[in-house]
Amino acid sequence: MVITEESFPSCEMNTGASGGEEQKNISGITSETLSVLQKAFTDFQVRAEQLSHAYASMKDDFKKVNIELESKNLETIELGGVQVLMKRLDLPNPELVKVATGLSDKGGVAILIAGGETARVVVSSGSPKIKAGEIIAAVCSVLGGKGGGKPTLAQGGGPDVSKIEDALAAGESYIKTALHV
């Protein structure tokens, strides 16, 4: 909104005197008042924009802290000498990938599933014995969906979020078979 002189209607204003004393036209003081109002409005716009940027930055920081806390509180199990993480983590896909690859970079395997309207799956493997692209197919089929990827990282999903625990169990079974455990 831009405040202009036209924003103020031309009208007469009583200066507080009674009866026949002099009245002033408001447009005589508008340019000074308008200048003050425009400066105040500009300052307000700048502060509002700064607040918006600060909020966005705080929101990003909160996401990072949340991901860091989630990744620190994740317990792995050992299957055939390989650290394995199988868990439902309701995070956006980029964060699921970060958590999963954090473990696979150390030689482990992660199967992470996020719920919502549909289930989203990320599988990451740092073990040459376990192919993420093969696990994703088994896990996503339980969810009624599909997936694909490379031996080290695969993604997919399915519509049946009620089967997330069953899908994690299917992933565990696949890993146990691949490791002969």
N, C-alpha and C. Protein backbone atom coordinates (compact mmCIF):
# COMPACT_ATOMS: atom_id res chain seq x y z
N MET A 1 0.85 -1.16 0.00
CA MET A 1 0.00 0.00 0.00
C MET A 1 0.90 1.23 0.00
N VAL A 2 0.63 2.14 -0.89
CA VAL A 2 1.39 3.38 -0.97
C VAL A 2 0.49 4.51 -0.52
N ILE A 3 0.98 5.29 0.41
CA ILE A 3 0.20 6.42 0.93
C ILE A 3 0.56 7.64 0.10
N THR A 4 -0.44 8.27 -0.46
CA THR A 4 -0.23 9.49 -1.24
C THR A 4 -1.13 10.56 -0.69
N GLU A 5 -0.92 11.79 -1.19
CA GLU A 5 -1.76 12.89 -0.74
C GLU A 5 -3.22 12.64 -1.11
N GLU A 6 -3.42 11.91 -2.22
CA GLU A 6 -4.79 11.62 -2.65
C GLU A 6 -5.49 10.69 -1.67
N SER A 7 -4.71 9.99 -0.81
CA SER A 7 -5.30 9.08 0.18
C SER A 7 -6.11 9.84 1.22
N PHE A 8 -5.81 11.14 1.37
CA PHE A 8 -6.50 11.94 2.37
C PHE A 8 -7.54 12.81 1.68
N PRO A 9 -8.80 12.69 2.05
CA PRO A 9 -9.82 13.53 1.44
C PRO A 9 -9.65 14.98 1.87
N SER A 10 -9.97 15.87 0.97
CA SER A 10 -9.91 17.28 1.31
C SER A 10 -11.11 17.60 2.17
N CYS A 11 -10.85 18.06 3.37
CA CYS A 11 -11.96 18.39 4.26
C CYS A 11 -11.53 19.49 5.20
N GLU A 12 -12.49 20.09 5.84
CA GLU A 12 -12.22 21.16 6.78
C GLU A 12 -12.08 20.56 8.17
N MET A 13 -11.17 21.12 8.96
CA MET A 13 -10.96 20.60 10.30
C MET A 13 -11.06 21.76 11.29
N ASN A 14 -11.80 21.60 12.32
CA ASN A 14 -11.93 22.61 13.36
C ASN A 14 -10.71 22.53 14.25
N THR A 15 -10.08 23.66 14.52
CA THR A 15 -8.86 23.68 15.33
C THR A 15 -9.15 23.71 16.82
N GLY A 16 -10.35 23.46 17.18
CA GLY A 16 -10.68 23.42 18.59
C GLY A 16 -11.39 24.67 19.07
N ALA A 17 -11.46 25.68 18.22
CA ALA A 17 -12.14 26.91 18.61
C ALA A 17 -13.63 26.74 18.42
N SER A 18 -14.38 27.60 19.05
CA SER A 18 -15.81 27.46 18.95
C SER A 18 -16.38 28.49 17.99
N GLY A 19 -17.49 28.17 17.48
CA GLY A 19 -18.28 29.10 16.68
C GLY A 19 -17.58 29.65 15.47
N GLY A 20 -17.32 30.97 15.48
CA GLY A 20 -16.86 31.63 14.29
C GLY A 20 -15.35 31.70 14.14
N GLU A 21 -14.57 31.00 14.96
CA GLU A 21 -13.12 31.08 14.82
C GLU A 21 -12.66 30.40 13.54
N GLU A 22 -11.42 30.67 13.18
CA GLU A 22 -10.86 30.24 11.90
C GLU A 22 -10.76 28.71 11.80
N GLN A 23 -11.10 28.11 10.64
CA GLN A 23 -10.92 26.70 10.37
C GLN A 23 -9.82 26.56 9.33
N LYS A 24 -9.02 25.46 9.44
CA LYS A 24 -7.93 25.23 8.50
C LYS A 24 -8.27 24.08 7.57
N ASN A 25 -7.78 24.16 6.37
CA ASN A 25 -7.94 23.09 5.38
C ASN A 25 -6.90 22.02 5.69
N ILE A 26 -7.34 20.77 5.78
CA ILE A 26 -6.42 19.67 6.15
C ILE A 26 -5.31 19.49 5.12
N SER A 27 -5.56 19.85 3.86
CA SER A 27 -4.51 19.68 2.85
C SER A 27 -3.33 20.60 3.10
N GLY A 28 -3.47 21.61 3.94
CA GLY A 28 -2.36 22.49 4.28
C GLY A 28 -1.32 21.80 5.16
N ILE A 29 -1.71 20.80 5.91
CA ILE A 29 -0.75 20.09 6.76
C ILE A 29 -0.47 18.68 6.25
N THR A 30 -1.09 18.29 5.19
CA THR A 30 -0.94 16.91 4.71
C THR A 30 0.45 16.60 4.20
N SER A 31 1.11 17.49 3.50
CA SER A 31 2.41 17.17 2.94
C SER A 31 3.41 16.83 4.05
N GLU A 32 3.39 17.57 5.15
CA GLU A 32 4.29 17.26 6.26
C GLU A 32 3.87 15.94 6.92
N THR A 33 2.59 15.80 7.17
CA THR A 33 2.08 14.57 7.77
C THR A 33 2.30 13.38 6.85
N LEU A 34 2.07 13.62 5.56
CA LEU A 34 2.26 12.57 4.56
C LEU A 34 3.71 12.09 4.57
N SER A 35 4.64 12.99 4.64
CA SER A 35 6.07 12.64 4.68
C SER A 35 6.38 11.76 5.88
N VAL A 36 5.85 12.13 7.03
CA VAL A 36 6.07 11.34 8.25
C VAL A 36 5.44 9.96 8.11
N LEU A 37 4.22 9.91 7.59
CA LEU A 37 3.53 8.63 7.42
C LEU A 37 4.24 7.74 6.41
N GLN A 38 4.72 8.32 5.30
CA GLN A 38 5.43 7.52 4.30
C GLN A 38 6.71 6.94 4.87
N LYS A 39 7.45 7.72 5.64
CA LYS A 39 8.68 7.21 6.26
C LYS A 39 8.35 6.09 7.23
N ALA A 40 7.31 6.29 8.05
CA ALA A 40 6.91 5.26 9.02
C ALA A 40 6.48 3.99 8.29
N PHE A 41 5.75 4.14 7.21
CA PHE A 41 5.29 2.98 6.45
C PHE A 41 6.46 2.24 5.81
N THR A 42 7.42 2.97 5.24
CA THR A 42 8.61 2.36 4.65
C THR A 42 9.40 1.59 5.71
N ASP A 43 9.58 2.21 6.87
CA ASP A 43 10.28 1.54 7.97
C ASP A 43 9.54 0.27 8.37
N PHE A 44 8.21 0.34 8.40
CA PHE A 44 7.40 -0.83 8.75
C PHE A 44 7.58 -1.95 7.72
N GLN A 45 7.59 -1.58 6.43
CA GLN A 45 7.78 -2.59 5.38
C GLN A 45 9.13 -3.28 5.53
N VAL A 46 10.17 -2.52 5.78
CA VAL A 46 11.51 -3.08 5.94
C VAL A 46 11.55 -4.03 7.14
N ARG A 47 10.98 -3.59 8.24
CA ARG A 47 10.97 -4.44 9.44
C ARG A 47 10.15 -5.71 9.22
N ALA A 48 9.03 -5.60 8.53
CA ALA A 48 8.20 -6.77 8.24
C ALA A 48 8.96 -7.75 7.36
N GLU A 49 9.70 -7.25 6.39
CA GLU A 49 10.49 -8.11 5.52
C GLU A 49 11.61 -8.78 6.31
N GLN A 50 12.26 -8.04 7.19
CA GLN A 50 13.32 -8.61 8.03
C GLN A 50 12.75 -9.70 8.94
N LEU A 51 11.59 -9.46 9.48
CA LEU A 51 10.94 -10.45 10.33
C LEU A 51 10.62 -11.71 9.55
N SER A 52 10.15 -11.55 8.33
CA SER A 52 9.85 -12.70 7.48
C SER A 52 11.10 -13.52 7.21
N HIS A 53 12.22 -12.85 6.91
CA HIS A 53 13.48 -13.56 6.67
C HIS A 53 13.97 -14.26 7.94
N ALA A 54 13.83 -13.58 9.07
CA ALA A 54 14.26 -14.17 10.34
C ALA A 54 13.43 -15.41 10.65
N TYR A 55 12.13 -15.35 10.39
CA TYR A 55 11.26 -16.51 10.63
C TYR A 55 11.68 -17.67 9.74
N ALA A 56 11.93 -17.42 8.47
CA ALA A 56 12.34 -18.48 7.55
C ALA A 56 13.66 -19.10 8.01
N SER A 57 14.58 -18.28 8.45
CA SER A 57 15.87 -18.77 8.93
C SER A 57 15.70 -19.63 10.19
N MET A 58 14.86 -19.18 11.11
CA MET A 58 14.61 -19.95 12.33
C MET A 58 13.94 -21.28 12.00
N LYS A 59 13.05 -21.27 11.04
CA LYS A 59 12.37 -22.50 10.63
C LYS A 59 13.38 -23.50 10.06
N ASP A 60 14.31 -23.01 9.22
CA ASP A 60 15.36 -23.88 8.67
C ASP A 60 16.26 -24.42 9.78
N ASP A 61 16.62 -23.56 10.72
CA ASP A 61 17.45 -23.99 11.85
C ASP A 61 16.74 -25.06 12.67
N PHE A 62 15.45 -24.89 12.89
CA PHE A 62 14.68 -25.87 13.65
C PHE A 62 14.68 -27.22 12.93
N LYS A 63 14.51 -27.20 11.61
CA LYS A 63 14.54 -28.44 10.84
C LYS A 63 15.88 -29.15 11.01
N LYS A 64 16.97 -28.38 10.91
CA LYS A 64 18.32 -28.97 11.05
C LYS A 64 18.51 -29.58 12.43
N VAL A 65 18.07 -28.88 13.45
CA VAL A 65 18.22 -29.41 14.81
C VAL A 65 17.37 -30.66 14.98
N ASN A 66 16.16 -30.65 14.44
CA ASN A 66 15.28 -31.80 14.53
C ASN A 66 15.90 -33.02 13.85
N ILE A 67 16.48 -32.81 12.67
CA ILE A 67 17.12 -33.91 11.94
C ILE A 67 18.31 -34.43 12.73
N GLU A 68 19.09 -33.51 13.28
CA GLU A 68 20.26 -33.90 14.07
C GLU A 68 19.84 -34.72 15.28
N LEU A 69 18.79 -34.28 15.97
CA LEU A 69 18.30 -35.02 17.13
C LEU A 69 17.78 -36.39 16.72
N GLU A 70 17.00 -36.42 15.64
CA GLU A 70 16.48 -37.70 15.16
C GLU A 70 17.61 -38.66 14.84
N SER A 71 18.64 -38.17 14.14
CA SER A 71 19.72 -39.05 13.73
C SER A 71 20.56 -39.52 14.92
N LYS A 72 20.65 -38.71 15.98
CA LYS A 72 21.40 -39.12 17.17
C LYS A 72 20.63 -40.13 18.01
N ASN A 73 19.32 -40.11 17.92
CA ASN A 73 18.50 -41.00 18.73
C ASN A 73 18.16 -42.31 18.01
N LEU A 74 18.80 -42.58 16.92
CA LEU A 74 18.48 -43.77 16.15
C LEU A 74 19.40 -44.91 16.58
N GLU A 75 18.79 -45.98 16.93
CA GLU A 75 19.56 -47.16 17.35
C GLU A 75 19.59 -48.16 16.21
N THR A 76 20.77 -48.68 15.97
CA THR A 76 20.93 -49.70 14.93
C THR A 76 21.01 -51.07 15.60
N ILE A 77 20.78 -52.08 14.80
CA ILE A 77 21.01 -53.46 15.24
C ILE A 77 22.11 -54.02 14.36
N GLU A 78 22.77 -55.03 14.86
CA GLU A 78 23.83 -55.66 14.07
C GLU A 78 23.31 -56.97 13.50
N LEU A 79 23.40 -57.08 12.20
CA LEU A 79 23.01 -58.30 11.51
C LEU A 79 24.19 -58.75 10.66
N GLY A 80 24.77 -59.89 10.99
CA GLY A 80 25.88 -60.42 10.21
C GLY A 80 27.06 -59.47 10.13
N GLY A 81 27.32 -58.72 11.19
CA GLY A 81 28.44 -57.79 11.22
C GLY A 81 28.16 -56.45 10.56
N VAL A 82 26.92 -56.20 10.15
CA VAL A 82 26.54 -54.95 9.50
C VAL A 82 25.56 -54.20 10.40
N GLN A 83 25.83 -52.92 10.62
CA GLN A 83 24.91 -52.09 11.40
C GLN A 83 23.70 -51.76 10.51
N VAL A 84 22.51 -52.05 11.02
CA VAL A 84 21.28 -51.87 10.24
C VAL A 84 20.31 -50.99 11.02
N LEU A 85 19.73 -50.03 10.33
CA LEU A 85 18.72 -49.15 10.90
C LEU A 85 17.44 -49.33 10.09
N MET A 86 16.37 -49.71 10.78
CA MET A 86 15.06 -49.86 10.13
C MET A 86 14.07 -49.09 10.99
N LYS A 87 13.52 -48.03 10.44
CA LYS A 87 12.68 -47.18 11.28
C LYS A 87 11.73 -46.33 10.45
N ARG A 88 10.61 -46.01 11.06
CA ARG A 88 9.71 -45.00 10.50
C ARG A 88 10.19 -43.65 11.02
N LEU A 89 10.49 -42.76 10.10
CA LEU A 89 10.91 -41.39 10.43
C LEU A 89 10.10 -40.46 9.55
N ASP A 90 9.21 -39.72 10.12
CA ASP A 90 8.37 -38.82 9.34
C ASP A 90 9.09 -37.51 9.06
N LEU A 91 10.02 -37.57 8.12
CA LEU A 91 10.81 -36.43 7.68
C LEU A 91 10.65 -36.28 6.17
N PRO A 92 10.94 -35.11 5.65
CA PRO A 92 10.93 -34.94 4.18
C PRO A 92 12.02 -35.81 3.54
N ASN A 93 11.84 -36.16 2.27
CA ASN A 93 12.78 -37.05 1.59
C ASN A 93 14.24 -36.61 1.66
N PRO A 94 14.57 -35.34 1.44
CA PRO A 94 15.99 -34.98 1.51
C PRO A 94 16.62 -35.30 2.87
N GLU A 95 15.85 -35.13 3.94
CA GLU A 95 16.36 -35.44 5.27
C GLU A 95 16.46 -36.94 5.49
N LEU A 96 15.50 -37.70 4.95
CA LEU A 96 15.59 -39.16 5.04
C LEU A 96 16.87 -39.65 4.36
N VAL A 97 17.16 -39.08 3.20
CA VAL A 97 18.37 -39.46 2.47
C VAL A 97 19.61 -39.13 3.28
N LYS A 98 19.64 -37.96 3.91
CA LYS A 98 20.80 -37.56 4.72
C LYS A 98 21.03 -38.54 5.87
N VAL A 99 19.96 -38.89 6.57
CA VAL A 99 20.08 -39.82 7.69
C VAL A 99 20.55 -41.19 7.18
N ALA A 100 19.92 -41.66 6.11
CA ALA A 100 20.25 -42.99 5.58
C ALA A 100 21.70 -43.05 5.08
N THR A 101 22.12 -42.06 4.32
CA THR A 101 23.47 -42.09 3.78
C THR A 101 24.51 -41.84 4.88
N GLY A 102 24.11 -41.18 5.96
CA GLY A 102 25.02 -41.02 7.09
C GLY A 102 25.44 -42.37 7.67
N LEU A 103 24.52 -43.33 7.68
CA LEU A 103 24.83 -44.67 8.17
C LEU A 103 25.55 -45.49 7.10
N SER A 104 25.08 -45.41 5.86
CA SER A 104 25.69 -46.23 4.81
C SER A 104 27.12 -45.77 4.49
N ASP A 105 27.43 -44.50 4.72
CA ASP A 105 28.80 -44.03 4.53
C ASP A 105 29.77 -44.71 5.49
N LYS A 106 29.22 -45.28 6.57
CA LYS A 106 30.04 -46.00 7.55
C LYS A 106 29.92 -47.51 7.37
N GLY A 107 29.38 -47.95 6.23
CA GLY A 107 29.27 -49.38 5.95
C GLY A 107 27.97 -50.02 6.38
N GLY A 108 27.05 -49.24 6.93
CA GLY A 108 25.78 -49.78 7.40
C GLY A 108 24.69 -49.75 6.35
N VAL A 109 23.52 -50.17 6.76
CA VAL A 109 22.34 -50.21 5.88
C VAL A 109 21.19 -49.53 6.60
N ALA A 110 20.44 -48.70 5.88
CA ALA A 110 19.28 -48.02 6.47
C ALA A 110 18.05 -48.21 5.60
N ILE A 111 16.96 -48.54 6.26
CA ILE A 111 15.64 -48.58 5.61
C ILE A 111 14.78 -47.60 6.41
N LEU A 112 14.45 -46.48 5.80
CA LEU A 112 13.67 -45.45 6.47
C LEU A 112 12.37 -45.23 5.71
N ILE A 113 11.28 -45.18 6.45
CA ILE A 113 9.97 -44.97 5.84
C ILE A 113 9.27 -43.81 6.53
N ALA A 114 8.78 -42.88 5.72
CA ALA A 114 8.01 -41.74 6.23
C ALA A 114 6.55 -41.95 5.84
N GLY A 115 5.65 -41.68 6.79
CA GLY A 115 4.23 -41.81 6.51
C GLY A 115 3.64 -40.47 6.11
N GLY A 116 2.39 -40.50 5.82
CA GLY A 116 1.65 -39.32 5.38
C GLY A 116 0.46 -39.83 4.58
N GLU A 117 0.10 -39.13 3.52
CA GLU A 117 -0.95 -39.64 2.64
C GLU A 117 -0.49 -40.92 1.97
N THR A 118 0.81 -40.96 1.64
CA THR A 118 1.42 -42.17 1.11
C THR A 118 2.70 -42.42 1.91
N ALA A 119 3.22 -43.62 1.79
CA ALA A 119 4.48 -43.95 2.45
C ALA A 119 5.62 -43.67 1.49
N ARG A 120 6.69 -43.04 2.01
CA ARG A 120 7.89 -42.77 1.21
C ARG A 120 9.03 -43.55 1.83
N VAL A 121 9.82 -44.21 0.98
CA VAL A 121 10.86 -45.11 1.47
C VAL A 121 12.21 -44.69 0.90
N VAL A 122 13.23 -44.73 1.77
CA VAL A 122 14.62 -44.52 1.35
C VAL A 122 15.43 -45.69 1.90
N VAL A 123 16.19 -46.33 1.02
CA VAL A 123 17.09 -47.41 1.43
C VAL A 123 18.48 -47.03 0.98
N SER A 124 19.43 -47.14 1.90
CA SER A 124 20.82 -46.82 1.60
C SER A 124 21.69 -47.95 2.13
N SER A 125 22.65 -48.39 1.31
CA SER A 125 23.51 -49.49 1.73
C SER A 125 24.98 -49.17 1.50
N GLY A 126 25.76 -49.41 2.54
CA GLY A 126 27.21 -49.28 2.45
C GLY A 126 27.88 -50.64 2.44
N SER A 127 27.08 -51.68 2.37
CA SER A 127 27.60 -53.05 2.36
C SER A 127 27.52 -53.62 0.94
N PRO A 128 28.61 -54.16 0.45
CA PRO A 128 28.57 -54.73 -0.90
C PRO A 128 27.67 -55.97 -1.01
N LYS A 129 27.33 -56.57 0.12
CA LYS A 129 26.47 -57.76 0.13
C LYS A 129 24.99 -57.42 0.00
N ILE A 130 24.64 -56.16 0.23
CA ILE A 130 23.23 -55.76 0.25
C ILE A 130 23.01 -54.65 -0.76
N LYS A 131 22.12 -54.89 -1.71
CA LYS A 131 21.81 -53.92 -2.76
C LYS A 131 20.53 -53.16 -2.42
N ALA A 132 20.66 -51.85 -2.27
CA ALA A 132 19.52 -51.00 -1.91
C ALA A 132 18.40 -51.11 -2.95
N GLY A 133 18.77 -51.17 -4.23
CA GLY A 133 17.78 -51.26 -5.30
C GLY A 133 16.92 -52.51 -5.22
N GLU A 134 17.48 -53.59 -4.67
CA GLU A 134 16.71 -54.83 -4.51
C GLU A 134 15.83 -54.78 -3.27
N ILE A 135 16.35 -54.21 -2.19
CA ILE A 135 15.56 -54.11 -0.96
C ILE A 135 14.34 -53.21 -1.19
N ILE A 136 14.53 -52.13 -1.92
CA ILE A 136 13.43 -51.17 -2.11
C ILE A 136 12.23 -51.83 -2.78
N ALA A 137 12.50 -52.73 -3.71
CA ALA A 137 11.40 -53.42 -4.40
C ALA A 137 10.60 -54.27 -3.41
N ALA A 138 11.31 -54.98 -2.53
CA ALA A 138 10.62 -55.83 -1.55
C ALA A 138 9.81 -54.98 -0.55
N VAL A 139 10.40 -53.91 -0.09
CA VAL A 139 9.74 -53.05 0.90
C VAL A 139 8.52 -52.35 0.29
N CYS A 140 8.70 -51.77 -0.89
CA CYS A 140 7.60 -51.01 -1.51
C CYS A 140 6.46 -51.90 -1.97
N SER A 141 6.75 -53.15 -2.32
CA SER A 141 5.66 -54.04 -2.74
C SER A 141 4.70 -54.29 -1.59
N VAL A 142 5.20 -54.35 -0.36
CA VAL A 142 4.34 -54.52 0.81
C VAL A 142 3.43 -53.30 0.98
N LEU A 143 3.93 -52.13 0.60
CA LEU A 143 3.16 -50.90 0.71
C LEU A 143 2.24 -50.68 -0.50
N GLY A 144 2.26 -51.61 -1.45
CA GLY A 144 1.44 -51.49 -2.65
C GLY A 144 2.02 -50.54 -3.68
N GLY A 145 3.33 -50.35 -3.64
CA GLY A 145 3.95 -49.40 -4.56
C GLY A 145 5.18 -49.95 -5.22
N LYS A 146 6.03 -49.06 -5.68
CA LYS A 146 7.24 -49.41 -6.40
C LYS A 146 8.39 -48.54 -5.93
N GLY A 147 9.57 -48.96 -6.36
CA GLY A 147 10.75 -48.17 -6.06
C GLY A 147 11.89 -48.62 -6.93
N GLY A 148 12.95 -47.88 -6.90
CA GLY A 148 14.11 -48.26 -7.68
C GLY A 148 15.30 -47.40 -7.30
N GLY A 149 16.43 -47.77 -7.86
CA GLY A 149 17.63 -47.00 -7.57
C GLY A 149 18.88 -47.79 -7.85
N LYS A 150 19.95 -47.37 -7.24
CA LYS A 150 21.25 -47.98 -7.43
C LYS A 150 21.55 -48.93 -6.26
N PRO A 151 22.63 -49.67 -6.36
CA PRO A 151 22.98 -50.58 -5.26
C PRO A 151 23.22 -49.87 -3.91
N THR A 152 23.61 -48.59 -3.96
CA THR A 152 23.90 -47.88 -2.71
C THR A 152 22.76 -47.00 -2.21
N LEU A 153 21.86 -46.59 -3.10
CA LEU A 153 20.76 -45.70 -2.68
C LEU A 153 19.55 -45.93 -3.58
N ALA A 154 18.40 -46.13 -2.94
CA ALA A 154 17.17 -46.34 -3.70
C ALA A 154 16.02 -45.65 -2.97
N GLN A 155 15.01 -45.23 -3.75
CA GLN A 155 13.84 -44.57 -3.18
C GLN A 155 12.59 -45.10 -3.83
N GLY A 156 11.49 -45.02 -3.09
CA GLY A 156 10.21 -45.46 -3.63
C GLY A 156 9.11 -45.11 -2.66
N GLY A 157 8.00 -45.81 -2.81
CA GLY A 157 6.88 -45.54 -1.92
C GLY A 157 5.70 -46.41 -2.26
N GLY A 158 4.61 -46.18 -1.54
CA GLY A 158 3.39 -46.92 -1.78
C GLY A 158 2.23 -46.27 -1.04
N PRO A 159 1.02 -46.57 -1.47
CA PRO A 159 -0.15 -45.90 -0.90
C PRO A 159 -0.62 -46.44 0.46
N ASP A 160 -0.21 -47.65 0.83
CA ASP A 160 -0.76 -48.29 2.04
C ASP A 160 0.10 -48.00 3.27
N VAL A 161 -0.12 -46.86 3.91
CA VAL A 161 0.67 -46.48 5.08
C VAL A 161 0.39 -47.38 6.29
N SER A 162 -0.71 -48.10 6.27
CA SER A 162 -1.01 -49.00 7.40
C SER A 162 -0.06 -50.19 7.43
N LYS A 163 0.71 -50.39 6.38
CA LYS A 163 1.62 -51.54 6.28
C LYS A 163 3.09 -51.17 6.51
N ILE A 164 3.34 -50.01 7.09
CA ILE A 164 4.73 -49.58 7.27
C ILE A 164 5.52 -50.58 8.12
N GLU A 165 4.97 -51.03 9.22
CA GLU A 165 5.69 -52.00 10.07
C GLU A 165 5.95 -53.30 9.32
N ASP A 166 4.97 -53.76 8.53
CA ASP A 166 5.16 -54.97 7.73
C ASP A 166 6.25 -54.77 6.68
N ALA A 167 6.30 -53.57 6.11
CA ALA A 167 7.32 -53.26 5.10
C ALA A 167 8.72 -53.27 5.73
N LEU A 168 8.84 -52.71 6.94
CA LEU A 168 10.13 -52.75 7.63
C LEU A 168 10.54 -54.19 7.94
N ALA A 169 9.58 -55.01 8.32
CA ALA A 169 9.86 -56.43 8.59
C ALA A 169 10.31 -57.14 7.31
N ALA A 170 9.71 -56.81 6.19
CA ALA A 170 10.11 -57.41 4.90
C ALA A 170 11.54 -57.00 4.56
N GLY A 171 11.89 -55.75 4.85
CA GLY A 171 13.26 -55.28 4.62
C GLY A 171 14.26 -56.02 5.49
N GLU A 172 13.90 -56.20 6.76
CA GLU A 172 14.78 -56.94 7.68
C GLU A 172 14.97 -58.38 7.19
N SER A 173 13.89 -59.01 6.78
CA SER A 173 13.97 -60.38 6.26
C SER A 173 14.89 -60.46 5.05
N TYR A 174 14.77 -59.48 4.16
CA TYR A 174 15.63 -59.46 2.97
C TYR A 174 17.10 -59.33 3.36
N ILE A 175 17.40 -58.46 4.31
CA ILE A 175 18.78 -58.26 4.75
C ILE A 175 19.32 -59.53 5.40
N LYS A 176 18.52 -60.16 6.24
CA LYS A 176 18.96 -61.40 6.89
C LYS A 176 19.28 -62.48 5.87
N THR A 177 18.44 -62.57 4.86
CA THR A 177 18.69 -63.57 3.80
C THR A 177 19.96 -63.24 3.04
N ALA A 178 20.17 -61.98 2.69
CA ALA A 178 21.34 -61.57 1.93
C ALA A 178 22.63 -61.79 2.73
N LEU A 179 22.55 -61.65 4.05
CA LEU A 179 23.73 -61.83 4.91
C LEU A 179 23.85 -63.23 5.47
N HIS A 180 22.90 -64.10 5.11
CA HIS A 180 22.87 -65.51 5.61
C HIS A 180 22.85 -65.54 7.14
N VAL A 181 21.97 -64.72 7.72
CA VAL A 181 21.83 -64.67 9.16
C VAL A 181 20.60 -65.44 9.58
